[in-house]
Amino acid sequence: MMKDLQNALVVVGLSIHFLIILAGLLKNNIQLCYSFFVYHALGFASSLTMTCFIANQEIGRTFYFIKELGLDAVKIAILLELNARMFKYYARVRQSNFVLFIGIAFLLPLYVLLFHNETPSWWGAIPLEIHSRINQVLCLVFLAFAGSILFYRLHIHPRHKFLLIGFLFSQFPLALGYAAAAAFGESHRQPVSLLNATFFVLALLIWSRVYWPPYAQASDSNRSDAGGLGDPDDSGTTK
C-alpha cells in the first residue's frame, strides 16, 4: 500500500514538474531566476531517468547521490541569484546575506567532519550524509532570507515569494527526514521517503504559481530588468 502510494506521488510529481518546465519556457518566465529553471529541468530529467531507465539498485543509488549533490550545487546558485535579485534595492540585507554565505562556506566542512554519522546503513553512506548536511545548511539560509523579509518588512514580488515559500516547504521536511533516518536506521527509509515525496509534490504546486499562470504583462517589456522584476516599485522601494 505504501509503495503504491509512493509510486502515485512520483507520477503526480513528474507531471506537475513537466508542466512547470513548459511554463518556465514562456516569455519572461525563465528570466525570473535562471538557476531556478535549471533546478527544475535537471530535477525532472534526473527523476525521470531514475524512475524509467535505471533498474539496478546499486546503479540507482550511485545515480541518486550524483543527482542530489548536483541539485545541491544548483540550489546554492539559486540562493546567490535570489540574493542579488530579491534584495537588489536593499544593500544592507544583501551584504549581510553574502557574509552569511561566506561563514557557511567555512563552517560546513567542520559540520560534516565533527558530526559524522557512524550508522552502517544506506542512510549512513558518506555521499548521502554530505548531501543531508548541505541540505540542512541551505534550509537555514532560505529561512534567513524569509526572516530578513519579515523583519525588515520588505516588499518582494509575488513570484519571488512563491519561489522562496516552495523551497521552505520542500527542503525542511527533507532535512528532517534525513535526520530521522540517520537516527532510527534504514528501517525508516520508506516512510521517510513517502513523507518527503508528499511535501515535494505540495511544493511543486506552490512553485506552479511562480510560472503558471504567467505574471508577465505587456508592460513588462518596457521595464529595465528581465521579467519586470527590477522595477523599484516591484521590489518594495518606498514611494
Protein backbone atom coordinates (compact mmCIF):
# COMPACT_ATOMS: atom_id res chain seq x y z
CA MET A 1 0.00 0.00 0.00
CA MET A 2 2.75 2.44 0.97
CA LYS A 3 4.76 1.54 -2.13
CA ASP A 4 1.74 2.12 -4.39
CA LEU A 5 1.12 5.49 -2.78
CA GLN A 6 4.75 6.48 -3.26
CA ASN A 7 4.62 5.47 -6.95
CA ALA A 8 1.45 7.54 -7.38
CA LEU A 9 3.18 10.55 -5.84
CA VAL A 10 6.12 10.09 -8.22
CA VAL A 11 3.80 10.12 -11.25
CA VAL A 12 1.91 13.18 -9.99
CA GLY A 13 5.16 14.97 -9.16
CA LEU A 14 6.70 14.28 -12.56
CA SER A 15 3.54 15.51 -14.29
CA ILE A 16 3.48 18.78 -12.36
CA HIS A 17 7.24 19.14 -12.82
CA PHE A 18 6.88 18.81 -16.59
CA LEU A 19 4.13 21.46 -16.69
CA ILE A 20 6.28 23.83 -14.61
CA ILE A 21 9.16 23.43 -17.08
CA LEU A 22 6.86 24.14 -20.03
CA ALA A 23 5.52 27.24 -18.27
CA GLY A 24 9.08 28.33 -17.47
CA LEU A 25 9.87 28.44 -21.18
CA LEU A 26 7.25 31.12 -21.74
CA LYS A 27 8.36 34.69 -22.39
CA ASN A 28 9.89 36.39 -19.33
CA ASN A 29 9.37 33.41 -17.02
CA ILE A 30 12.78 31.81 -17.40
CA GLN A 31 14.42 35.20 -16.81
CA LEU A 32 12.88 35.43 -13.34
CA CYS A 33 15.67 33.22 -11.97
CA TYR A 34 17.78 31.26 -14.43
CA SER A 35 19.14 28.84 -11.83
CA PHE A 36 15.59 28.12 -10.62
CA PHE A 37 14.66 26.92 -14.11
CA VAL A 38 17.86 24.85 -14.29
CA TYR A 39 16.93 23.28 -10.94
CA HIS A 40 13.57 22.14 -12.28
CA ALA A 41 14.95 20.98 -15.63
CA LEU A 42 17.71 18.89 -14.02
CA GLY A 43 15.40 17.63 -11.28
CA PHE A 44 12.79 16.46 -13.78
CA ALA A 45 15.34 14.85 -16.11
CA SER A 46 17.14 13.00 -13.30
CA SER A 47 13.93 11.85 -11.60
CA LEU A 48 12.55 10.59 -14.91
CA THR A 49 15.80 8.74 -15.58
CA MET A 50 15.75 7.04 -12.18
CA THR A 51 12.08 6.11 -12.49
CA CYS A 52 12.02 4.82 -16.06
CA PHE A 53 15.53 3.81 -17.11
CA ILE A 54 17.50 2.58 -14.08
CA ALA A 55 16.53 -0.81 -12.70
CA ASN A 56 19.76 -1.86 -10.98
CA GLN A 57 19.70 -0.92 -7.29
CA GLU A 58 23.41 -0.16 -6.94
CA ILE A 59 23.47 1.98 -10.08
CA GLY A 60 20.32 3.70 -8.85
CA ARG A 61 21.97 4.59 -5.53
CA THR A 62 25.07 5.98 -7.22
CA PHE A 63 22.96 8.00 -9.66
CA TYR A 64 20.86 9.27 -6.75
CA PHE A 65 23.94 10.51 -4.91
CA ILE A 66 25.19 12.33 -8.02
CA LYS A 67 21.74 13.76 -8.69
CA GLU A 68 21.27 15.13 -5.18
CA LEU A 69 24.75 16.61 -4.88
CA GLY A 70 24.32 18.23 -8.30
CA LEU A 71 20.98 19.72 -7.29
CA ASP A 72 22.59 20.99 -4.08
CA ALA A 73 25.06 22.94 -6.21
CA VAL A 74 22.17 24.40 -8.23
CA LYS A 75 20.36 25.39 -5.01
CA ILE A 76 23.47 27.28 -3.91
CA ALA A 77 23.37 29.12 -7.25
CA ILE A 78 19.67 29.88 -6.67
CA LEU A 79 20.43 31.45 -3.30
CA LEU A 80 23.18 33.62 -4.77
CA GLU A 81 20.97 34.71 -7.66
CA LEU A 82 17.99 35.39 -5.41
CA ASN A 83 20.17 37.42 -3.08
CA ALA A 84 21.09 39.66 -5.99
CA ARG A 85 17.55 39.87 -7.40
CA MET A 86 15.25 39.97 -4.36
CA PHE A 87 17.41 42.34 -2.34
CA LYS A 88 18.65 44.45 -5.24
CA TYR A 89 17.41 47.67 -3.64
CA TYR A 90 18.29 46.61 -0.06
CA ALA A 91 22.09 46.78 0.03
CA ARG A 92 22.42 46.13 3.77
CA VAL A 93 20.33 42.95 3.65
CA ARG A 94 22.11 41.74 0.51
CA GLN A 95 25.53 42.28 2.06
CA SER A 96 24.60 40.56 5.33
CA ASN A 97 23.33 37.56 3.38
CA PHE A 98 26.61 37.40 1.48
CA VAL A 99 28.55 37.41 4.76
CA LEU A 100 26.32 34.52 5.84
CA PHE A 101 27.28 32.60 2.68
CA ILE A 102 30.98 33.08 3.39
CA GLY A 103 30.58 31.96 7.00
CA ILE A 104 28.71 28.83 5.96
CA ALA A 105 31.36 28.01 3.35
CA PHE A 106 33.94 27.84 6.16
CA LEU A 107 31.74 26.10 8.74
CA LEU A 108 30.13 23.41 6.54
CA PRO A 109 33.27 21.21 6.27
CA LEU A 110 33.62 21.35 10.06
CA TYR A 111 29.96 20.42 10.47
CA VAL A 112 30.41 17.38 8.21
CA LEU A 113 33.59 16.21 9.97
CA LEU A 114 32.61 16.85 13.59
CA PHE A 115 29.09 15.37 13.38
CA HIS A 116 29.88 12.28 11.35
CA ASN A 117 27.21 9.57 11.38
CA GLU A 118 28.62 6.12 12.21
CA THR A 119 25.44 4.19 11.38
CA PRO A 120 26.47 1.36 8.95
CA SER A 121 23.42 1.61 6.69
CA TRP A 122 22.43 3.04 3.33
CA TRP A 123 21.33 6.23 5.09
CA GLY A 124 24.79 6.50 6.60
CA ALA A 125 26.57 6.43 3.24
CA ILE A 126 29.08 9.26 3.00
CA PRO A 127 27.69 10.98 -0.14
CA LEU A 128 24.17 10.99 1.25
CA GLU A 129 25.44 12.19 4.61
CA ILE A 130 27.22 15.12 2.94
CA HIS A 131 24.05 15.86 0.98
CA SER A 132 21.95 15.85 4.15
CA ARG A 133 24.35 18.28 5.87
CA ILE A 134 24.34 20.62 2.86
CA ASN A 135 20.57 20.42 2.74
CA GLN A 136 20.23 21.34 6.41
CA VAL A 137 22.53 24.33 5.98
CA LEU A 138 20.69 25.52 2.86
CA CYS A 139 17.44 25.31 4.79
CA LEU A 140 18.86 27.76 7.32
CA VAL A 141 19.82 30.16 4.53
CA PHE A 142 16.34 30.00 2.97
CA LEU A 143 14.93 30.63 6.44
CA ALA A 144 17.31 33.58 6.88
CA PHE A 145 16.02 35.05 3.60
CA ALA A 146 12.44 34.73 4.82
CA GLY A 147 13.40 36.20 8.20
CA SER A 148 15.05 39.20 6.55
CA ILE A 149 11.92 39.88 4.52
CA LEU A 150 9.67 39.68 7.58
CA PHE A 151 12.00 41.54 9.95
CA TYR A 152 12.65 44.46 7.62
CA ARG A 153 9.11 44.33 6.16
CA LEU A 154 10.46 44.24 2.64
CA HIS A 155 8.15 44.30 -0.36
CA ILE A 156 9.05 41.31 -2.52
CA HIS A 157 7.48 40.49 -5.85
CA PRO A 158 4.85 37.69 -5.52
CA ARG A 159 6.75 35.44 -7.94
CA HIS A 160 9.81 35.52 -5.69
CA LYS A 161 7.63 34.91 -2.63
CA PHE A 162 6.16 31.74 -4.12
CA LEU A 163 9.64 30.63 -5.18
CA LEU A 164 11.00 31.07 -1.67
CA ILE A 165 7.96 29.52 0.05
CA GLY A 166 8.24 26.47 -2.20
CA PHE A 167 11.82 25.85 -1.11
CA LEU A 168 10.94 26.32 2.55
CA PHE A 169 8.03 23.90 2.16
CA SER A 170 10.09 21.22 0.42
CA GLN A 171 13.56 21.44 1.98
CA PHE A 172 12.74 21.49 5.70
CA PRO A 173 10.77 18.19 5.68
CA LEU A 174 13.57 16.71 3.55
CA ALA A 175 16.25 17.79 6.03
CA LEU A 176 14.23 16.50 8.99
CA GLY A 177 13.58 13.25 7.14
CA TYR A 178 17.31 12.64 6.62
CA ALA A 179 17.96 13.40 10.29
CA ALA A 180 15.25 10.94 11.35
CA ALA A 181 16.57 8.25 9.03
CA ALA A 182 20.11 8.72 10.33
CA ALA A 183 18.84 8.47 13.90
CA PHE A 184 16.49 5.48 13.54
CA GLY A 185 18.14 3.48 10.77
CA GLU A 186 17.30 2.11 7.35
CA SER A 187 14.02 0.57 8.50
CA HIS A 188 12.51 4.07 8.45
CA ARG A 189 13.64 4.77 4.88
CA GLN A 190 10.31 4.04 3.18
CA PRO A 191 8.04 6.15 5.43
CA VAL A 192 10.57 9.00 5.32
CA SER A 193 10.72 8.80 1.52
CA LEU A 194 6.92 8.85 1.36
CA LEU A 195 6.77 11.91 3.60
CA ASN A 196 9.42 13.71 1.52
CA ALA A 197 7.62 12.88 -1.73
CA THR A 198 4.35 14.23 -0.32
CA PHE A 199 5.86 17.55 0.72
CA PHE A 200 7.74 17.87 -2.57
CA VAL A 201 4.52 17.48 -4.55
CA LEU A 202 2.93 20.19 -2.40
CA ALA A 203 5.99 22.38 -3.03
CA LEU A 204 5.59 21.82 -6.77
CA LEU A 205 2.02 23.10 -6.51
CA ILE A 206 3.35 26.23 -4.80
CA TRP A 207 6.08 26.63 -7.44
CA SER A 208 3.45 26.39 -10.18
CA ARG A 209 2.31 29.85 -9.07
CA VAL A 210 5.76 31.19 -9.98
CA TYR A 211 5.42 30.29 -13.67
CA TRP A 212 1.79 29.39 -14.30
CA PRO A 213 -0.35 31.30 -14.91
CA PRO A 214 2.41 33.68 -16.02
CA TYR A 215 2.52 37.06 -14.33
CA ALA A 216 4.19 38.65 -17.35
CA GLN A 217 2.23 41.62 -18.64
CA ALA A 218 2.64 43.61 -21.81
CA SER A 219 4.12 46.44 -19.78
CA ASP A 220 6.91 44.17 -18.54
CA SER A 221 8.75 44.53 -21.81
CA ASN A 222 9.21 48.24 -21.12
CA ARG A 223 10.95 47.66 -17.80
CA SER A 224 14.68 47.63 -17.45
CA ASP A 225 15.13 44.20 -15.85
CA ALA A 226 14.04 40.78 -17.07
CA GLY A 227 10.54 39.67 -16.18
CA GLY A 228 9.59 43.09 -14.87
CA LEU A 229 11.15 42.34 -11.51
CA GLY A 230 13.79 45.02 -11.49
CA ASP A 231 11.34 47.88 -11.05
CA PRO A 232 11.80 49.67 -7.71
CA ASP A 233 8.03 49.62 -7.21
CA ASP A 234 8.02 45.83 -7.52
CA SER A 235 10.80 45.40 -5.01
CA GLY A 236 9.29 47.46 -2.27
CA THR A 237 11.07 50.77 -2.64
CA THR A 238 9.24 53.40 -0.65
CA LYS A 239 7.39 55.82 -2.86
